[in-house]
């Protein structure tokens, strides 16, 4: 997956230049591979960016300003949404990328996967116990109907199987 960052190499606005530098610098610091696409020198890049920014994300005049960030063809956001993701430590999620190994988000993701695995194992164990009840105890309980005698015992039997065994021994 390639991150596309649409930039303007010759912008007269210092605010836009600072925003572009902030995005590019942060991506480089995180060692995220990205493709800088210049909209000032390449009309094709400019038209593609304008067409693929969602309508609800466009400013009032309808022309989105750089930097605009995409993951392949999928729109990630502009500088403001990137800044919010940076503040929330969720840049990789914002970019649609998996967290890098060794990061806190990666460790949390692994812990969640382990918890899900443990939950699935417990559900399988419970299904095995339930199926044993159906296939072992029910037929034995049925057979115990034909055995009219039983030995009084000081403790109740833990299951129908033991009850059946006690009845047979007497």
N, C-alpha and C. Protein backbone atom coordinates (compact mmCIF):
# COMPACT_ATOMS: atom_id res chain seq x y z
N UNK A 1 0.84 -1.17 0.00
CA UNK A 1 0.00 0.00 0.00
C UNK A 1 0.89 1.24 0.00
N UNK A 2 0.60 2.10 -0.92
CA UNK A 2 1.38 3.33 -1.04
C UNK A 2 0.53 4.50 -0.59
N UNK A 3 1.09 5.29 0.28
CA UNK A 3 0.43 6.51 0.73
C UNK A 3 0.76 7.60 -0.28
N UNK A 4 -0.27 8.28 -0.75
CA UNK A 4 -0.08 9.38 -1.70
C UNK A 4 -0.35 10.68 -0.96
N UNK A 5 0.62 11.58 -1.02
CA UNK A 5 0.47 12.91 -0.41
C UNK A 5 0.51 13.94 -1.53
N UNK A 6 -0.59 14.63 -1.71
CA UNK A 6 -0.66 15.66 -2.75
C UNK A 6 -0.18 16.98 -2.16
N UNK A 7 0.87 17.53 -2.79
CA UNK A 7 1.55 18.75 -2.32
C UNK A 7 1.59 19.77 -3.43
N UNK A 8 1.86 21.01 -3.05
CA UNK A 8 2.09 22.09 -4.03
C UNK A 8 3.50 22.59 -3.83
N UNK A 9 4.36 22.32 -4.81
CA UNK A 9 5.77 22.71 -4.68
C UNK A 9 5.96 24.22 -4.72
N UNK A 10 5.09 24.91 -5.39
CA UNK A 10 5.22 26.36 -5.48
C UNK A 10 3.95 27.03 -4.96
N UNK A 11 3.83 27.04 -3.65
CA UNK A 11 2.67 27.67 -3.03
C UNK A 11 3.10 29.02 -2.46
N UNK A 12 2.26 30.00 -2.61
CA UNK A 12 2.55 31.32 -2.07
C UNK A 12 2.17 31.44 -0.60
N UNK A 13 1.46 30.46 -0.09
CA UNK A 13 0.98 30.50 1.29
C UNK A 13 1.97 29.80 2.21
N UNK A 14 2.45 30.54 3.22
CA UNK A 14 3.38 29.92 4.18
C UNK A 14 2.65 28.90 5.06
N UNK A 15 1.35 29.12 5.30
CA UNK A 15 0.57 28.17 6.11
C UNK A 15 0.50 26.81 5.40
N UNK A 16 0.28 26.82 4.09
CA UNK A 16 0.22 25.56 3.33
C UNK A 16 1.59 24.90 3.32
N UNK A 17 2.64 25.67 3.15
CA UNK A 17 3.99 25.10 3.16
C UNK A 17 4.31 24.44 4.50
N UNK A 18 3.93 25.09 5.60
CA UNK A 18 4.18 24.52 6.93
C UNK A 18 3.39 23.23 7.13
N UNK A 19 2.15 23.23 6.69
CA UNK A 19 1.33 22.02 6.83
C UNK A 19 1.93 20.87 6.02
N UNK A 20 2.36 21.17 4.81
CA UNK A 20 2.98 20.14 3.96
C UNK A 20 4.25 19.60 4.61
N UNK A 21 5.08 20.48 5.14
CA UNK A 21 6.32 20.06 5.80
C UNK A 21 6.02 19.22 7.03
N UNK A 22 4.98 19.58 7.76
CA UNK A 22 4.61 18.84 8.96
C UNK A 22 4.20 17.41 8.59
N UNK A 23 3.36 17.26 7.58
CA UNK A 23 2.90 15.93 7.15
C UNK A 23 4.07 15.10 6.66
N UNK A 24 4.86 15.65 5.75
CA UNK A 24 5.98 14.91 5.16
C UNK A 24 7.01 14.56 6.24
N UNK A 25 7.33 15.51 7.09
CA UNK A 25 8.31 15.25 8.15
C UNK A 25 7.86 14.17 9.10
N UNK A 26 6.57 14.16 9.45
CA UNK A 26 6.06 13.15 10.37
C UNK A 26 6.06 11.77 9.72
N UNK A 27 5.67 11.69 8.45
CA UNK A 27 5.69 10.41 7.73
C UNK A 27 7.11 9.86 7.63
N UNK A 28 8.08 10.75 7.37
CA UNK A 28 9.48 10.32 7.30
C UNK A 28 9.97 9.85 8.66
N UNK A 29 9.57 10.53 9.73
CA UNK A 29 9.98 10.14 11.07
C UNK A 29 9.44 8.75 11.44
N UNK A 30 8.23 8.44 10.96
CA UNK A 30 7.63 7.14 11.22
C UNK A 30 8.10 6.07 10.23
N UNK A 31 8.89 6.50 9.25
CA UNK A 31 9.40 5.62 8.18
C UNK A 31 8.26 4.98 7.38
N UNK A 32 7.26 5.80 7.11
CA UNK A 32 6.14 5.37 6.28
C UNK A 32 6.48 5.71 4.83
N UNK A 33 6.37 4.72 3.96
CA UNK A 33 6.63 4.98 2.54
C UNK A 33 5.47 5.79 1.97
N UNK A 34 5.81 6.84 1.28
CA UNK A 34 4.78 7.67 0.68
C UNK A 34 5.27 8.18 -0.66
N UNK A 35 4.33 8.60 -1.47
CA UNK A 35 4.63 9.12 -2.79
C UNK A 35 4.17 10.58 -2.84
N UNK A 36 5.11 11.54 -2.84
CA UNK A 36 4.69 12.95 -2.94
C UNK A 36 4.29 13.29 -4.37
N UNK A 37 3.09 13.76 -4.55
CA UNK A 37 2.59 14.11 -5.87
C UNK A 37 2.34 15.61 -5.93
N UNK A 38 3.02 16.26 -6.85
CA UNK A 38 2.95 17.71 -6.98
C UNK A 38 1.76 18.12 -7.82
N UNK A 39 0.92 18.97 -7.26
CA UNK A 39 -0.25 19.45 -8.01
C UNK A 39 0.02 20.79 -8.69
N UNK A 40 1.15 21.42 -8.36
CA UNK A 40 1.46 22.71 -8.98
C UNK A 40 2.04 22.51 -10.39
N UNK A 41 2.80 21.46 -10.57
CA UNK A 41 3.46 21.22 -11.86
C UNK A 41 2.75 20.19 -12.72
N UNK A 42 1.84 19.44 -12.13
CA UNK A 42 1.21 18.36 -12.87
C UNK A 42 -0.31 18.51 -12.81
N UNK A 43 -0.89 18.89 -13.92
CA UNK A 43 -2.33 19.11 -14.00
C UNK A 43 -3.11 17.82 -13.76
N UNK A 44 -2.56 16.70 -14.20
CA UNK A 44 -3.22 15.41 -14.01
C UNK A 44 -3.36 15.07 -12.52
N UNK A 45 -2.30 15.31 -11.74
CA UNK A 45 -2.36 15.09 -10.29
C UNK A 45 -3.39 16.00 -9.64
N UNK A 46 -3.43 17.25 -10.06
CA UNK A 46 -4.37 18.22 -9.49
C UNK A 46 -5.81 17.79 -9.75
N UNK A 47 -6.10 17.37 -10.98
CA UNK A 47 -7.46 16.96 -11.32
C UNK A 47 -7.85 15.68 -10.57
N UNK A 48 -6.91 14.74 -10.46
CA UNK A 48 -7.20 13.49 -9.76
C UNK A 48 -7.52 13.78 -8.29
N UNK A 49 -6.70 14.64 -7.66
CA UNK A 49 -6.93 14.99 -6.26
C UNK A 49 -8.30 15.65 -6.08
N UNK A 50 -8.62 16.60 -6.92
CA UNK A 50 -9.89 17.32 -6.80
C UNK A 50 -11.09 16.40 -7.00
N UNK A 51 -10.97 15.46 -7.91
CA UNK A 51 -12.08 14.55 -8.18
C UNK A 51 -12.27 13.51 -7.08
N UNK A 52 -11.20 13.14 -6.38
CA UNK A 52 -11.28 12.04 -5.42
C UNK A 52 -11.43 12.47 -3.96
N UNK A 53 -11.37 13.75 -3.70
CA UNK A 53 -11.67 14.22 -2.33
C UNK A 53 -13.20 14.21 -2.21
N UNK A 54 -13.74 13.56 -1.17
CA UNK A 54 -15.20 13.50 -1.02
C UNK A 54 -15.82 14.89 -0.91
N UNK A 55 -17.03 15.03 -1.39
CA UNK A 55 -17.72 16.32 -1.40
C UNK A 55 -17.84 16.93 0.00
N UNK A 56 -18.11 16.09 1.01
CA UNK A 56 -18.28 16.62 2.37
C UNK A 56 -16.97 17.13 2.96
N UNK A 57 -15.84 16.76 2.36
CA UNK A 57 -14.53 17.20 2.86
C UNK A 57 -13.99 18.43 2.11
N UNK A 58 -14.68 18.82 1.07
CA UNK A 58 -14.23 19.97 0.30
C UNK A 58 -14.64 21.27 0.99
N UNK A 59 -13.80 22.30 0.89
CA UNK A 59 -14.16 23.60 1.48
C UNK A 59 -15.34 24.24 0.72
N UNK A 60 -15.78 25.38 1.22
CA UNK A 60 -16.95 26.06 0.65
C UNK A 60 -16.78 26.39 -0.83
N UNK A 61 -15.53 26.74 -1.23
CA UNK A 61 -15.32 27.09 -2.64
C UNK A 61 -15.19 25.86 -3.53
N UNK A 62 -15.14 24.67 -2.94
CA UNK A 62 -15.12 23.42 -3.72
C UNK A 62 -13.74 22.96 -4.16
N UNK A 63 -12.69 23.73 -3.86
CA UNK A 63 -11.34 23.36 -4.29
C UNK A 63 -10.52 22.98 -3.06
N UNK A 64 -10.21 21.69 -2.90
CA UNK A 64 -9.41 21.27 -1.74
C UNK A 64 -7.97 21.75 -1.85
N UNK A 65 -7.41 22.18 -0.72
CA UNK A 65 -6.04 22.67 -0.70
C UNK A 65 -5.10 21.57 -0.22
N UNK A 66 -3.85 21.61 -0.67
CA UNK A 66 -2.88 20.62 -0.20
C UNK A 66 -2.49 20.92 1.25
N UNK A 67 -2.02 19.97 1.99
CA UNK A 67 -1.81 18.56 1.61
C UNK A 67 -3.09 17.74 1.75
N UNK A 68 -3.30 16.84 0.82
CA UNK A 68 -4.38 15.86 0.85
C UNK A 68 -3.72 14.48 0.85
N UNK A 69 -4.24 13.57 1.67
CA UNK A 69 -3.58 12.27 1.88
C UNK A 69 -4.52 11.15 1.45
N UNK A 70 -3.97 10.20 0.68
CA UNK A 70 -4.71 9.04 0.20
C UNK A 70 -3.89 7.78 0.48
N UNK A 71 -4.59 6.67 0.67
CA UNK A 71 -3.96 5.36 0.72
C UNK A 71 -4.41 4.67 -0.55
N UNK A 72 -3.51 4.59 -1.53
CA UNK A 72 -3.85 4.13 -2.88
C UNK A 72 -4.98 5.03 -3.41
N UNK A 73 -6.18 4.46 -3.60
CA UNK A 73 -7.31 5.23 -4.11
C UNK A 73 -8.23 5.72 -2.99
N UNK A 74 -7.98 5.28 -1.78
CA UNK A 74 -8.85 5.59 -0.65
C UNK A 74 -8.44 6.90 0.03
N UNK A 75 -9.40 7.79 0.22
CA UNK A 75 -9.13 9.08 0.84
C UNK A 75 -8.94 8.93 2.34
N UNK A 76 -7.83 9.45 2.85
CA UNK A 76 -7.56 9.42 4.29
C UNK A 76 -7.99 10.73 4.94
N UNK A 77 -7.56 11.85 4.38
CA UNK A 77 -7.96 13.13 4.94
C UNK A 77 -7.03 14.25 4.54
N UNK A 78 -7.30 15.42 5.11
CA UNK A 78 -6.48 16.59 4.86
C UNK A 78 -5.57 16.83 6.06
N UNK A 79 -4.97 18.01 6.12
CA UNK A 79 -4.03 18.29 7.21
C UNK A 79 -4.72 18.25 8.57
N UNK A 80 -5.91 18.82 8.67
CA UNK A 80 -6.60 18.89 9.97
C UNK A 80 -6.89 17.50 10.53
N UNK A 81 -7.38 16.59 9.69
CA UNK A 81 -7.66 15.24 10.17
C UNK A 81 -6.35 14.49 10.46
N UNK A 82 -5.31 14.77 9.69
CA UNK A 82 -4.00 14.17 9.97
C UNK A 82 -3.49 14.66 11.33
N UNK A 83 -3.63 15.95 11.58
CA UNK A 83 -3.17 16.52 12.85
C UNK A 83 -3.93 15.90 14.02
N UNK A 84 -5.25 15.73 13.87
CA UNK A 84 -6.05 15.09 14.93
C UNK A 84 -5.57 13.66 15.19
N UNK A 85 -5.29 12.92 14.13
CA UNK A 85 -4.80 11.54 14.27
C UNK A 85 -3.43 11.53 14.94
N UNK A 86 -2.61 12.50 14.62
CA UNK A 86 -1.29 12.60 15.23
C UNK A 86 -1.41 12.88 16.73
N UNK A 87 -2.33 13.75 17.10
CA UNK A 87 -2.55 14.06 18.51
C UNK A 87 -3.10 12.87 19.29
N UNK A 88 -3.89 12.03 18.61
CA UNK A 88 -4.50 10.86 19.25
C UNK A 88 -3.61 9.62 19.16
N UNK A 89 -2.42 9.76 18.59
CA UNK A 89 -1.50 8.63 18.37
C UNK A 89 -2.17 7.53 17.55
N UNK A 90 -2.90 7.93 16.54
CA UNK A 90 -3.59 6.95 15.68
C UNK A 90 -3.30 7.21 14.20
N UNK A 91 -2.06 7.60 13.91
CA UNK A 91 -1.70 7.94 12.53
C UNK A 91 -1.79 6.71 11.64
N UNK A 92 -1.35 5.54 12.13
CA UNK A 92 -1.38 4.34 11.30
C UNK A 92 -2.82 3.95 10.97
N UNK A 93 -3.70 4.07 11.92
CA UNK A 93 -5.12 3.78 11.66
C UNK A 93 -5.68 4.81 10.68
N UNK A 94 -5.31 6.07 10.83
CA UNK A 94 -5.75 7.13 9.92
C UNK A 94 -5.31 6.82 8.49
N UNK A 95 -4.08 6.32 8.35
CA UNK A 95 -3.54 6.01 7.03
C UNK A 95 -4.03 4.66 6.49
N UNK A 96 -4.70 3.89 7.32
CA UNK A 96 -5.17 2.58 6.90
C UNK A 96 -4.05 1.56 6.86
N UNK A 97 -3.03 1.75 7.71
CA UNK A 97 -1.89 0.84 7.75
C UNK A 97 -1.88 0.09 9.07
N UNK A 98 -1.33 -1.13 9.08
CA UNK A 98 -1.20 -1.84 10.36
C UNK A 98 -0.13 -1.16 11.21
N UNK A 99 -0.26 -1.21 12.53
CA UNK A 99 0.76 -0.58 13.38
C UNK A 99 2.09 -1.34 13.25
N UNK A 100 3.20 -0.64 13.37
CA UNK A 100 4.50 -1.31 13.21
C UNK A 100 4.77 -2.25 14.39
N UNK A 101 5.53 -3.33 14.15
CA UNK A 101 5.87 -4.24 15.25
C UNK A 101 6.62 -3.49 16.35
N UNK A 102 6.30 -3.82 17.59
CA UNK A 102 6.96 -3.18 18.73
C UNK A 102 6.26 -1.93 19.23
N UNK A 103 5.27 -1.45 18.50
CA UNK A 103 4.56 -0.25 18.95
C UNK A 103 3.49 -0.62 19.97
N UNK A 104 3.04 0.37 20.71
CA UNK A 104 2.01 0.15 21.73
C UNK A 104 0.72 -0.34 21.09
N UNK A 105 0.35 0.24 19.97
CA UNK A 105 -0.87 -0.17 19.27
C UNK A 105 -0.75 -1.61 18.79
N UNK A 106 0.44 -2.00 18.33
CA UNK A 106 0.67 -3.38 17.88
C UNK A 106 0.53 -4.34 19.06
N UNK A 107 1.09 -3.97 20.22
CA UNK A 107 0.99 -4.82 21.41
C UNK A 107 -0.46 -4.95 21.86
N UNK A 108 -1.22 -3.85 21.81
CA UNK A 108 -2.63 -3.90 22.18
C UNK A 108 -3.42 -4.78 21.22
N UNK A 109 -3.07 -4.70 19.93
CA UNK A 109 -3.73 -5.52 18.92
C UNK A 109 -3.46 -7.00 19.17
N UNK A 110 -2.21 -7.34 19.54
CA UNK A 110 -1.86 -8.72 19.84
C UNK A 110 -2.59 -9.21 21.09
N UNK A 111 -2.68 -8.36 22.12
CA UNK A 111 -3.40 -8.73 23.33
C UNK A 111 -4.88 -8.98 23.03
N UNK A 112 -5.45 -8.16 22.17
CA UNK A 112 -6.85 -8.35 21.79
C UNK A 112 -7.02 -9.66 21.03
N UNK A 113 -6.07 -9.99 20.14
CA UNK A 113 -6.13 -11.25 19.40
C UNK A 113 -6.04 -12.44 20.36
N UNK A 114 -5.16 -12.35 21.36
CA UNK A 114 -5.02 -13.43 22.34
C UNK A 114 -6.30 -13.58 23.16
N UNK A 115 -6.90 -12.48 23.55
CA UNK A 115 -8.15 -12.53 24.32
C UNK A 115 -9.25 -13.17 23.48
N UNK A 116 -9.30 -12.82 22.19
CA UNK A 116 -10.30 -13.43 21.30
C UNK A 116 -10.06 -14.93 21.17
N UNK A 117 -8.79 -15.34 21.04
CA UNK A 117 -8.45 -16.76 20.95
C UNK A 117 -8.87 -17.50 22.21
N UNK A 118 -8.59 -16.90 23.39
CA UNK A 118 -8.97 -17.52 24.65
C UNK A 118 -10.48 -17.68 24.75
N UNK A 119 -11.21 -16.65 24.33
CA UNK A 119 -12.66 -16.70 24.37
C UNK A 119 -13.18 -17.81 23.45
N UNK A 120 -12.59 -17.95 22.26
CA UNK A 120 -13.01 -18.99 21.33
C UNK A 120 -12.73 -20.38 21.90
N UNK A 121 -11.56 -20.55 22.54
CA UNK A 121 -11.23 -21.84 23.16
C UNK A 121 -12.24 -22.19 24.25
N UNK A 122 -12.60 -21.22 25.07
CA UNK A 122 -13.56 -21.47 26.13
C UNK A 122 -14.93 -21.85 25.56
N UNK A 123 -15.33 -21.19 24.48
CA UNK A 123 -16.60 -21.52 23.85
C UNK A 123 -16.57 -22.94 23.29
N UNK A 124 -15.43 -23.34 22.69
CA UNK A 124 -15.31 -24.70 22.18
C UNK A 124 -15.36 -25.72 23.30
N UNK A 125 -14.67 -25.42 24.42
CA UNK A 125 -14.71 -26.33 25.57
C UNK A 125 -16.13 -26.49 26.08
N UNK A 126 -16.86 -25.38 26.14
CA UNK A 126 -18.24 -25.44 26.62
C UNK A 126 -19.10 -26.26 25.66
N UNK A 127 -18.87 -26.12 24.36
CA UNK A 127 -19.62 -26.91 23.39
C UNK A 127 -19.32 -28.40 23.56
N UNK A 128 -18.05 -28.74 23.84
CA UNK A 128 -17.69 -30.14 24.05
C UNK A 128 -18.41 -30.69 25.28
N UNK A 129 -18.45 -29.92 26.36
CA UNK A 129 -19.14 -30.37 27.57
C UNK A 129 -20.63 -30.53 27.30
N UNK A 130 -21.21 -29.57 26.61
CA UNK A 130 -22.63 -29.64 26.30
C UNK A 130 -22.94 -30.86 25.43
N UNK A 131 -22.07 -31.15 24.45
CA UNK A 131 -22.31 -32.29 23.59
C UNK A 131 -22.16 -33.58 24.36
N UNK A 132 -21.26 -33.63 25.35
CA UNK A 132 -21.15 -34.82 26.20
C UNK A 132 -22.43 -35.02 26.98
N UNK A 133 -23.01 -33.96 27.48
CA UNK A 133 -24.27 -34.08 28.20
C UNK A 133 -25.33 -34.71 27.31
N UNK A 134 -25.40 -34.28 26.08
CA UNK A 134 -26.42 -34.77 25.18
C UNK A 134 -26.17 -36.22 24.80
N UNK A 135 -24.93 -36.55 24.43
CA UNK A 135 -24.65 -37.88 23.89
C UNK A 135 -24.39 -38.94 24.96
N UNK A 136 -23.93 -38.57 26.15
CA UNK A 136 -23.66 -39.56 27.19
C UNK A 136 -24.77 -39.64 28.22
N UNK A 137 -25.11 -38.53 28.80
CA UNK A 137 -25.99 -38.55 29.95
C UNK A 137 -27.43 -38.80 29.58
N UNK A 138 -27.90 -38.28 28.47
CA UNK A 138 -29.30 -38.46 28.12
C UNK A 138 -29.64 -39.93 27.87
N UNK A 139 -28.85 -40.68 27.07
CA UNK A 139 -29.18 -42.09 26.90
C UNK A 139 -29.09 -42.87 28.20
N UNK A 140 -28.11 -42.54 29.06
CA UNK A 140 -27.98 -43.24 30.32
C UNK A 140 -29.15 -42.93 31.24
N UNK A 141 -29.61 -41.72 31.21
CA UNK A 141 -30.78 -41.37 32.02
C UNK A 141 -31.99 -42.15 31.54
N UNK A 142 -32.09 -42.32 30.23
CA UNK A 142 -33.19 -43.10 29.67
C UNK A 142 -33.11 -44.55 30.13
N UNK A 143 -31.88 -45.12 30.11
CA UNK A 143 -31.71 -46.50 30.55
C UNK A 143 -32.02 -46.67 32.03
N UNK A 144 -31.73 -45.63 32.82
CA UNK A 144 -31.98 -45.75 34.26
C UNK A 144 -33.47 -45.88 34.58
N UNK A 145 -34.31 -45.53 33.65
CA UNK A 145 -35.75 -45.70 33.87
C UNK A 145 -36.12 -47.18 34.01
N UNK A 146 -35.34 -48.06 33.37
CA UNK A 146 -35.65 -49.49 33.38
C UNK A 146 -35.02 -50.22 34.56
N UNK A 147 -34.26 -49.53 35.37
CA UNK A 147 -33.63 -50.13 36.54
C UNK A 147 -34.39 -49.64 37.78
N UNK A 148 -35.29 -50.47 38.36
CA UNK A 148 -36.19 -49.98 39.41
C UNK A 148 -35.56 -49.80 40.78
N UNK A 149 -34.37 -50.32 41.03
CA UNK A 149 -33.79 -50.24 42.37
C UNK A 149 -32.56 -49.35 42.39
N UNK A 150 -32.26 -48.81 43.53
CA UNK A 150 -31.06 -48.01 43.70
C UNK A 150 -30.64 -48.06 45.16
N UNK A 151 -29.38 -47.80 45.41
CA UNK A 151 -28.85 -47.82 46.77
C UNK A 151 -28.90 -46.40 47.31
N UNK A 152 -29.43 -46.23 48.53
CA UNK A 152 -29.39 -44.89 49.12
C UNK A 152 -27.94 -44.50 49.36
N UNK A 153 -27.60 -43.27 49.05
CA UNK A 153 -26.21 -42.80 49.17
C UNK A 153 -26.22 -41.49 49.94
N UNK A 154 -25.22 -41.26 50.84
CA UNK A 154 -25.25 -40.02 51.63
C UNK A 154 -25.05 -38.75 50.79
N UNK A 155 -24.41 -38.87 49.63
CA UNK A 155 -24.18 -37.70 48.76
C UNK A 155 -24.93 -37.89 47.46
N UNK A 156 -25.47 -36.83 46.93
CA UNK A 156 -26.16 -36.98 45.65
C UNK A 156 -25.13 -37.26 44.54
N UNK A 157 -25.48 -38.08 43.58
CA UNK A 157 -24.54 -38.35 42.50
C UNK A 157 -24.28 -37.09 41.68
N UNK A 158 -23.02 -36.87 41.22
CA UNK A 158 -22.69 -35.64 40.49
C UNK A 158 -23.30 -35.59 39.10
N UNK A 159 -23.65 -36.73 38.54
CA UNK A 159 -24.28 -36.70 37.23
C UNK A 159 -25.09 -37.97 37.03
N UNK A 160 -25.84 -38.03 35.98
CA UNK A 160 -26.68 -39.18 35.68
C UNK A 160 -25.84 -40.44 35.46
N UNK A 161 -24.63 -40.28 34.92
CA UNK A 161 -23.77 -41.43 34.66
C UNK A 161 -23.44 -42.15 35.95
N UNK A 162 -23.04 -41.41 36.99
CA UNK A 162 -22.71 -42.03 38.26
C UNK A 162 -23.95 -42.62 38.91
N UNK A 163 -25.07 -41.98 38.74
CA UNK A 163 -26.32 -42.50 39.27
C UNK A 163 -26.63 -43.84 38.63
N UNK A 164 -26.44 -43.93 37.33
CA UNK A 164 -26.68 -45.16 36.60
C UNK A 164 -25.73 -46.26 37.06
N UNK A 165 -24.47 -45.94 37.27
CA UNK A 165 -23.49 -46.92 37.72
C UNK A 165 -23.84 -47.43 39.11
N UNK A 166 -24.24 -46.54 40.02
CA UNK A 166 -24.65 -46.95 41.35
C UNK A 166 -25.84 -47.91 41.30
N UNK A 167 -26.77 -47.63 40.45
CA UNK A 167 -27.96 -48.47 40.32
C UNK A 167 -27.60 -49.86 39.78
N UNK A 168 -26.68 -49.92 38.86
CA UNK A 168 -26.28 -51.20 38.29
C UNK A 168 -25.55 -52.05 39.34
N UNK A 169 -24.68 -51.43 40.15
CA UNK A 169 -23.93 -52.17 41.15
C UNK A 169 -24.83 -52.80 42.18
N UNK A 170 -25.94 -52.19 42.49
CA UNK A 170 -26.82 -52.75 43.51
C UNK A 170 -27.60 -53.85 42.87
